PDB file of all heavy atoms in Angstrom:
ATOM      1  N   ILE A   1      -2.634  14.837 -13.948  1.00  0.00           N
ATOM      2  CA  ILE A   1      -1.611  14.050 -13.230  1.00  0.00           C
ATOM      3  C   ILE A   1      -1.933  12.570 -13.375  1.00  0.00           C
ATOM      4  O   ILE A   1      -1.089  11.715 -13.646  1.00  0.00           O
ATOM      5  CB  ILE A   1      -1.478  14.476 -11.754  1.00  0.00           C
ATOM      6  CG1 ILE A   1      -0.891  15.868 -11.706  1.00  0.00           C
ATOM      7  CG2 ILE A   1      -0.660  13.495 -10.983  1.00  0.00           C
ATOM      8  CD1 ILE A   1      -0.854  16.442 -10.271  1.00  0.00           C
ATOM      9  N   LEU A   2      -3.209  12.214 -13.222  1.00  0.00           N
ATOM     10  CA  LEU A   2      -3.621  10.772 -13.274  1.00  0.00           C
ATOM     11  C   LEU A   2      -3.528  10.195 -14.655  1.00  0.00           C
ATOM     12  O   LEU A   2      -3.462   8.994 -14.846  1.00  0.00           O
ATOM     13  CB  LEU A   2      -5.065  10.665 -12.754  1.00  0.00           C
ATOM     14  CG  LEU A   2      -5.262  10.770 -11.277  1.00  0.00           C
ATOM     15  CD1 LEU A   2      -6.668  10.721 -10.825  1.00  0.00           C
ATOM     16  CD2 LEU A   2      -4.372   9.801 -10.482  1.00  0.00           C
ATOM     17  N   LYS A   3      -3.564  11.041 -15.709  1.00  0.00           N
ATOM     18  CA  LYS A   3      -3.420  10.557 -17.017  1.00  0.00           C
ATOM     19  C   LYS A   3      -1.951  10.347 -17.441  1.00  0.00           C
ATOM     20  O   LYS A   3      -1.643   9.633 -18.393  1.00  0.00           O
ATOM     21  CB  LYS A   3      -4.015  11.632 -18.049  1.00  0.00           C
ATOM     22  CG  LYS A   3      -5.555  11.583 -17.981  1.00  0.00           C
ATOM     23  CD  LYS A   3      -6.077  12.550 -19.051  1.00  0.00           C
ATOM     24  CE  LYS A   3      -7.555  12.515 -19.009  1.00  0.00           C
ATOM     25  NZ  LYS A   3      -8.164  13.491 -20.031  1.00  0.00           N
ATOM     26  N   ASN A   4      -1.075  10.819 -16.626  1.00  0.00           N
ATOM     27  CA  ASN A   4       0.295  10.619 -16.858  1.00  0.00           C
ATOM     28  C   ASN A   4       0.660   9.086 -16.635  1.00  0.00           C
ATOM     29  O   ASN A   4       0.365   8.522 -15.672  1.00  0.00           O
ATOM     30  CB  ASN A   4       1.154  11.439 -15.901  1.00  0.00           C
ATOM     31  CG  ASN A   4       2.629  11.385 -16.198  1.00  0.00           C
ATOM     32  OD1 ASN A   4       3.156  10.562 -16.867  1.00  0.00           O
ATOM     33  ND2 ASN A   4       3.386  12.382 -15.679  1.00  0.00           N
ATOM     34  N   LYS A   5       1.324   8.485 -17.670  1.00  0.00           N
ATOM     35  CA  LYS A   5       1.573   6.990 -17.627  1.00  0.00           C
ATOM     36  C   LYS A   5       2.537   6.649 -16.513  1.00  0.00           C
ATOM     37  O   LYS A   5       2.400   5.575 -15.910  1.00  0.00           O
ATOM     38  CB  LYS A   5       2.113   6.562 -18.961  1.00  0.00           C
ATOM     39  CG  LYS A   5       3.450   7.176 -19.428  1.00  0.00           C
ATOM     40  CD  LYS A   5       3.770   6.716 -20.791  1.00  0.00           C
ATOM     41  CE  LYS A   5       5.099   7.445 -21.201  1.00  0.00           C
ATOM     42  NZ  LYS A   5       5.394   7.058 -22.533  1.00  0.00           N
ATOM     43  N   TYR A   6       3.401   7.473 -16.098  1.00  0.00           N
ATOM     44  CA  TYR A   6       4.353   7.245 -15.039  1.00  0.00           C
ATOM     45  C   TYR A   6       3.572   7.190 -13.707  1.00  0.00           C
ATOM     46  O   TYR A   6       3.863   6.278 -12.800  1.00  0.00           O
ATOM     47  CB  TYR A   6       5.501   8.263 -14.937  1.00  0.00           C
ATOM     48  CG  TYR A   6       6.353   8.191 -16.207  1.00  0.00           C
ATOM     49  CD1 TYR A   6       6.254   9.266 -17.089  1.00  0.00           C
ATOM     50  CD2 TYR A   6       7.109   7.142 -16.482  1.00  0.00           C
ATOM     51  CE1 TYR A   6       7.098   9.304 -18.276  1.00  0.00           C
ATOM     52  CE2 TYR A   6       7.909   7.062 -17.641  1.00  0.00           C
ATOM     53  CZ  TYR A   6       7.870   8.201 -18.486  1.00  0.00           C
ATOM     54  OH  TYR A   6       8.607   8.141 -19.604  1.00  0.00           O
ATOM     55  N   VAL A   7       2.682   8.040 -13.466  1.00  0.00           N
ATOM     56  CA  VAL A   7       1.934   8.054 -12.275  1.00  0.00           C
ATOM     57  C   VAL A   7       1.012   6.806 -12.206  1.00  0.00           C
ATOM     58  O   VAL A   7       0.929   6.189 -11.094  1.00  0.00           O
ATOM     59  CB  VAL A   7       1.065   9.355 -12.235  1.00  0.00           C
ATOM     60  CG1 VAL A   7       0.097   9.246 -11.028  1.00  0.00           C
ATOM     61  CG2 VAL A   7       1.917  10.613 -12.078  1.00  0.00           C
ATOM     62  N   ILE A   8       0.458   6.429 -13.274  1.00  0.00           N
ATOM     63  CA  ILE A   8      -0.369   5.239 -13.349  1.00  0.00           C
ATOM     64  C   ILE A   8       0.447   3.984 -12.972  1.00  0.00           C
ATOM     65  O   ILE A   8       0.040   3.137 -12.175  1.00  0.00           O
ATOM     66  CB  ILE A   8      -1.055   5.066 -14.731  1.00  0.00           C
ATOM     67  CG1 ILE A   8      -2.079   6.247 -14.921  1.00  0.00           C
ATOM     68  CG2 ILE A   8      -1.733   3.747 -14.802  1.00  0.00           C
ATOM     69  CD1 ILE A   8      -2.687   6.250 -16.256  1.00  0.00           C
ATOM     70  N   VAL A   9       1.621   3.905 -13.529  1.00  0.00           N
ATOM     71  CA  VAL A   9       2.495   2.767 -13.339  1.00  0.00           C
ATOM     72  C   VAL A   9       2.933   2.742 -11.853  1.00  0.00           C
ATOM     73  O   VAL A   9       2.944   1.678 -11.160  1.00  0.00           O
ATOM     74  CB  VAL A   9       3.727   2.814 -14.258  1.00  0.00           C
ATOM     75  CG1 VAL A   9       4.805   1.814 -13.743  1.00  0.00           C
ATOM     76  CG2 VAL A   9       3.358   2.572 -15.693  1.00  0.00           C
ATOM     77  N   ILE A  10       3.253   3.901 -11.276  1.00  0.00           N
ATOM     78  CA  ILE A  10       3.625   3.962  -9.928  1.00  0.00           C
ATOM     79  C   ILE A  10       2.482   3.582  -9.000  1.00  0.00           C
ATOM     80  O   ILE A  10       2.652   2.832  -7.990  1.00  0.00           O
ATOM     81  CB  ILE A  10       4.188   5.315  -9.506  1.00  0.00           C
ATOM     82  CG1 ILE A  10       5.529   5.519 -10.187  1.00  0.00           C
ATOM     83  CG2 ILE A  10       4.270   5.532  -8.051  1.00  0.00           C
ATOM     84  CD1 ILE A  10       6.060   6.993 -10.078  1.00  0.00           C
ATOM     85  N   LEU A  11       1.287   4.036  -9.306  1.00  0.00           N
ATOM     86  CA  LEU A  11       0.085   3.683  -8.495  1.00  0.00           C
ATOM     87  C   LEU A  11      -0.136   2.160  -8.558  1.00  0.00           C
ATOM     88  O   LEU A  11      -0.476   1.546  -7.503  1.00  0.00           O
ATOM     89  CB  LEU A  11      -1.082   4.439  -8.879  1.00  0.00           C
ATOM     90  CG  LEU A  11      -1.147   5.912  -8.555  1.00  0.00           C
ATOM     91  CD1 LEU A  11      -2.338   6.572  -9.153  1.00  0.00           C
ATOM     92  CD2 LEU A  11      -1.101   6.070  -7.045  1.00  0.00           C
ATOM     93  N   VAL A  12      -0.076   1.590  -9.772  1.00  0.00           N
ATOM     94  CA  VAL A  12      -0.340   0.191  -9.898  1.00  0.00           C
ATOM     95  C   VAL A  12       0.706  -0.599  -9.070  1.00  0.00           C
ATOM     96  O   VAL A  12       0.461  -1.613  -8.455  1.00  0.00           O
ATOM     97  CB  VAL A  12      -0.333  -0.274 -11.411  1.00  0.00           C
ATOM     98  CG1 VAL A  12      -0.264  -1.774 -11.545  1.00  0.00           C
ATOM     99  CG2 VAL A  12      -1.546   0.360 -12.083  1.00  0.00           C
ATOM    100  N   PHE A  13       1.901  -0.185  -9.189  1.00  0.00           N
ATOM    101  CA  PHE A  13       3.116  -0.847  -8.483  1.00  0.00           C
ATOM    102  C   PHE A  13       2.832  -0.772  -6.968  1.00  0.00           C
ATOM    103  O   PHE A  13       2.978  -1.756  -6.239  1.00  0.00           O
ATOM    104  CB  PHE A  13       4.412  -0.171  -8.796  1.00  0.00           C
ATOM    105  CG  PHE A  13       5.627  -0.755  -8.163  1.00  0.00           C
ATOM    106  CD1 PHE A  13       6.036  -1.992  -8.450  1.00  0.00           C
ATOM    107  CD2 PHE A  13       6.137  -0.014  -7.147  1.00  0.00           C
ATOM    108  CE1 PHE A  13       7.146  -2.516  -7.752  1.00  0.00           C
ATOM    109  CE2 PHE A  13       7.215  -0.518  -6.463  1.00  0.00           C
ATOM    110  CZ  PHE A  13       7.706  -1.782  -6.742  1.00  0.00           C
ATOM    111  N   LEU A  14       2.437   0.376  -6.466  1.00  0.00           N
ATOM    112  CA  LEU A  14       2.206   0.495  -5.047  1.00  0.00           C
ATOM    113  C   LEU A  14       1.020  -0.358  -4.555  1.00  0.00           C
ATOM    114  O   LEU A  14       1.101  -0.995  -3.484  1.00  0.00           O
ATOM    115  CB  LEU A  14       1.878   1.960  -4.656  1.00  0.00           C
ATOM    116  CG  LEU A  14       3.074   2.935  -4.703  1.00  0.00           C
ATOM    117  CD1 LEU A  14       2.620   4.336  -4.454  1.00  0.00           C
ATOM    118  CD2 LEU A  14       4.114   2.507  -3.692  1.00  0.00           C
ATOM    119  N   VAL A  15      -0.049  -0.434  -5.363  1.00  0.00           N
ATOM    120  CA  VAL A  15      -1.149  -1.268  -5.024  1.00  0.00           C
ATOM    121  C   VAL A  15      -0.684  -2.778  -5.036  1.00  0.00           C
ATOM    122  O   VAL A  15      -1.044  -3.537  -4.076  1.00  0.00           O
ATOM    123  CB  VAL A  15      -2.357  -1.125  -6.006  1.00  0.00           C
ATOM    124  CG1 VAL A  15      -3.385  -2.223  -5.891  1.00  0.00           C
ATOM    125  CG2 VAL A  15      -2.956   0.298  -5.852  1.00  0.00           C
ATOM    126  N   PHE A  16       0.086  -3.087  -5.968  1.00  0.00           N
ATOM    127  CA  PHE A  16       0.645  -4.509  -6.032  1.00  0.00           C
ATOM    128  C   PHE A  16       1.471  -4.858  -4.801  1.00  0.00           C
ATOM    129  O   PHE A  16       1.332  -5.834  -4.191  1.00  0.00           O
ATOM    130  CB  PHE A  16       1.411  -4.634  -7.359  1.00  0.00           C
ATOM    131  CG  PHE A  16       1.958  -6.059  -7.512  1.00  0.00           C
ATOM    132  CD1 PHE A  16       1.098  -7.076  -7.939  1.00  0.00           C
ATOM    133  CD2 PHE A  16       3.260  -6.360  -7.223  1.00  0.00           C
ATOM    134  CE1 PHE A  16       1.558  -8.328  -8.107  1.00  0.00           C
ATOM    135  CE2 PHE A  16       3.770  -7.606  -7.449  1.00  0.00           C
ATOM    136  CZ  PHE A  16       2.916  -8.666  -7.819  1.00  0.00           C
ATOM    137  N   ILE A  17       2.404  -3.920  -4.470  1.00  0.00           N
ATOM    138  CA  ILE A  17       3.278  -4.140  -3.302  1.00  0.00           C
ATOM    139  C   ILE A  17       2.500  -4.184  -2.008  1.00  0.00           C
ATOM    140  O   ILE A  17       2.764  -4.986  -1.089  1.00  0.00           O
ATOM    141  CB  ILE A  17       4.352  -3.050  -3.306  1.00  0.00           C
ATOM    142  CG1 ILE A  17       5.287  -3.153  -4.429  1.00  0.00           C
ATOM    143  CG2 ILE A  17       5.102  -3.123  -1.962  1.00  0.00           C
ATOM    144  CD1 ILE A  17       6.117  -4.425  -4.459  1.00  0.00           C
ATOM    145  N   VAL A  18       1.500  -3.282  -1.812  1.00  0.00           N
ATOM    146  CA  VAL A  18       0.854  -3.192  -0.591  1.00  0.00           C
ATOM    147  C   VAL A  18      -0.174  -4.302  -0.332  1.00  0.00           C
ATOM    148  O   VAL A  18      -0.410  -4.811   0.720  1.00  0.00           O
ATOM    149  CB  VAL A  18       0.216  -1.779  -0.441  1.00  0.00           C
ATOM    150  CG1 VAL A  18      -0.677  -1.661   0.785  1.00  0.00           C
ATOM    151  CG2 VAL A  18       1.279  -0.720  -0.374  1.00  0.00           C
ATOM    152  N   ILE A  19      -0.925  -4.639  -1.425  1.00  0.00           N
ATOM    153  CA  ILE A  19      -2.101  -5.548  -1.284  1.00  0.00           C
ATOM    154  C   ILE A  19      -1.930  -6.873  -1.909  1.00  0.00           C
ATOM    155  O   ILE A  19      -2.189  -7.930  -1.285  1.00  0.00           O
ATOM    156  CB  ILE A  19      -3.323  -4.799  -1.763  1.00  0.00           C
ATOM    157  CG1 ILE A  19      -3.629  -3.568  -0.980  1.00  0.00           C
ATOM    158  CG2 ILE A  19      -4.587  -5.710  -1.674  1.00  0.00           C
ATOM    159  CD1 ILE A  19      -4.684  -2.661  -1.498  1.00  0.00           C
ATOM    160  N   ILE A  20      -1.554  -6.963  -3.129  1.00  0.00           N
ATOM    161  CA  ILE A  20      -1.705  -8.129  -3.958  1.00  0.00           C
ATOM    162  C   ILE A  20      -0.596  -9.191  -3.799  1.00  0.00           C
ATOM    163  O   ILE A  20      -0.880 -10.322  -3.687  1.00  0.00           O
ATOM    164  CB  ILE A  20      -1.823  -7.666  -5.439  1.00  0.00           C
ATOM    165  CG1 ILE A  20      -3.110  -6.820  -5.621  1.00  0.00           C
ATOM    166  CG2 ILE A  20      -1.845  -8.926  -6.321  1.00  0.00           C
ATOM    167  CD1 ILE A  20      -3.237  -6.258  -7.026  1.00  0.00           C
ATOM    168  N   ASP A  21       0.673  -8.743  -3.803  1.00  0.00           N
ATOM    169  CA  ASP A  21       1.743  -9.651  -3.759  1.00  0.00           C
ATOM    170  C   ASP A  21       1.757 -10.614  -2.550  1.00  0.00           C
ATOM    171  O   ASP A  21       1.316 -10.229  -1.542  1.00  0.00           O
ATOM    172  CB  ASP A  21       3.061  -8.768  -3.804  1.00  0.00           C
ATOM    173  CG  ASP A  21       4.318  -9.625  -4.149  1.00  0.00           C
ATOM    174  OD1 ASP A  21       4.175 -10.621  -4.791  1.00  0.00           O
ATOM    175  OD2 ASP A  21       5.352  -9.223  -3.604  1.00  0.00           O
ATOM    176  N   ASP A  22       2.405 -11.735  -2.764  1.00  0.00           N
ATOM    177  CA  ASP A  22       2.527 -12.706  -1.669  1.00  0.00           C
ATOM    178  C   ASP A  22       3.381 -12.161  -0.491  1.00  0.00           C
ATOM    179  O   ASP A  22       3.197 -12.488   0.677  1.00  0.00           O
ATOM    180  CB  ASP A  22       3.193 -13.991  -2.063  1.00  0.00           C
ATOM    181  CG  ASP A  22       2.189 -14.854  -2.901  1.00  0.00           C
ATOM    182  OD1 ASP A  22       1.005 -14.591  -2.795  1.00  0.00           O
ATOM    183  OD2 ASP A  22       2.632 -15.717  -3.642  1.00  0.00           O
ATOM    184  N   THR A  23       4.296 -11.307  -0.823  1.00  0.00           N
ATOM    185  CA  THR A  23       5.153 -10.665   0.158  1.00  0.00           C
ATOM    186  C   THR A  23       4.700  -9.214   0.442  1.00  0.00           C
ATOM    187  O   THR A  23       5.526  -8.354   0.676  1.00  0.00           O
ATOM    188  CB  THR A  23       6.590 -10.676  -0.257  1.00  0.00           C
ATOM    189  OG1 THR A  23       6.762 -10.045  -1.487  1.00  0.00           O
ATOM    190  CG2 THR A  23       7.158 -12.107  -0.311  1.00  0.00           C
ATOM    191  N   SER A  24       3.464  -9.012   0.356  1.00  0.00           N
ATOM    192  CA  SER A  24       2.946  -7.603   0.522  1.00  0.00           C
ATOM    193  C   SER A  24       3.079  -7.157   1.937  1.00  0.00           C
ATOM    194  O   SER A  24       3.442  -7.825   2.895  1.00  0.00           O
ATOM    195  CB  SER A  24       1.424  -7.561   0.174  1.00  0.00           C
ATOM    196  OG  SER A  24       0.699  -8.294   1.171  1.00  0.00           O
ATOM    197  N   LEU A  25       2.951  -5.870   2.117  1.00  0.00           N
ATOM    198  CA  LEU A  25       3.079  -5.218   3.422  1.00  0.00           C
ATOM    199  C   LEU A  25       1.994  -5.747   4.448  1.00  0.00           C
ATOM    200  O   LEU A  25       2.349  -6.016   5.615  1.00  0.00           O
ATOM    201  CB  LEU A  25       3.035  -3.677   3.336  1.00  0.00           C
ATOM    202  CG  LEU A  25       4.122  -2.998   2.629  1.00  0.00           C
ATOM    203  CD1 LEU A  25       3.896  -1.552   2.477  1.00  0.00           C
ATOM    204  CD2 LEU A  25       5.469  -3.273   3.357  1.00  0.00           C
ATOM    205  N   MET A  26       0.849  -5.891   3.910  1.00  0.00           N
ATOM    206  CA  MET A  26      -0.244  -6.468   4.818  1.00  0.00           C
ATOM    207  C   MET A  26       0.110  -7.845   5.294  1.00  0.00           C
ATOM    208  O   MET A  26      -0.002  -8.181   6.419  1.00  0.00           O
ATOM    209  CB  MET A  26      -1.584  -6.461   4.035  1.00  0.00           C
ATOM    210  CG  MET A  26      -2.111  -5.122   3.793  1.00  0.00           C
ATOM    211  SD  MET A  26      -3.565  -4.985   2.703  1.00  0.00           S
ATOM    212  CE  MET A  26      -4.650  -6.133   3.572  1.00  0.00           C
ATOM    213  N   MET A  27       0.652  -8.710   4.378  1.00  0.00           N
ATOM    214  CA  MET A  27       1.016 -10.064   4.725  1.00  0.00           C
ATOM    215  C   MET A  27       2.136 -10.017   5.694  1.00  0.00           C
ATOM    216  O   MET A  27       2.232 -10.806   6.682  1.00  0.00           O
ATOM    217  CB  MET A  27       1.394 -10.806   3.476  1.00  0.00           C
ATOM    218  CG  MET A  27       1.734 -12.326   3.778  1.00  0.00           C
ATOM    219  SD  MET A  27       0.476 -13.359   4.555  1.00  0.00           S
ATOM    220  CE  MET A  27      -0.513 -13.598   3.053  1.00  0.00           C
TER     221      MET A  27
END
């Protein structure tokens, strides 16, 4: 499942949205 490129993209997107972005959930 983790080798699937769609899962990787979704995980990277979620990490970006939750933690990294200026408008992240944490912020």
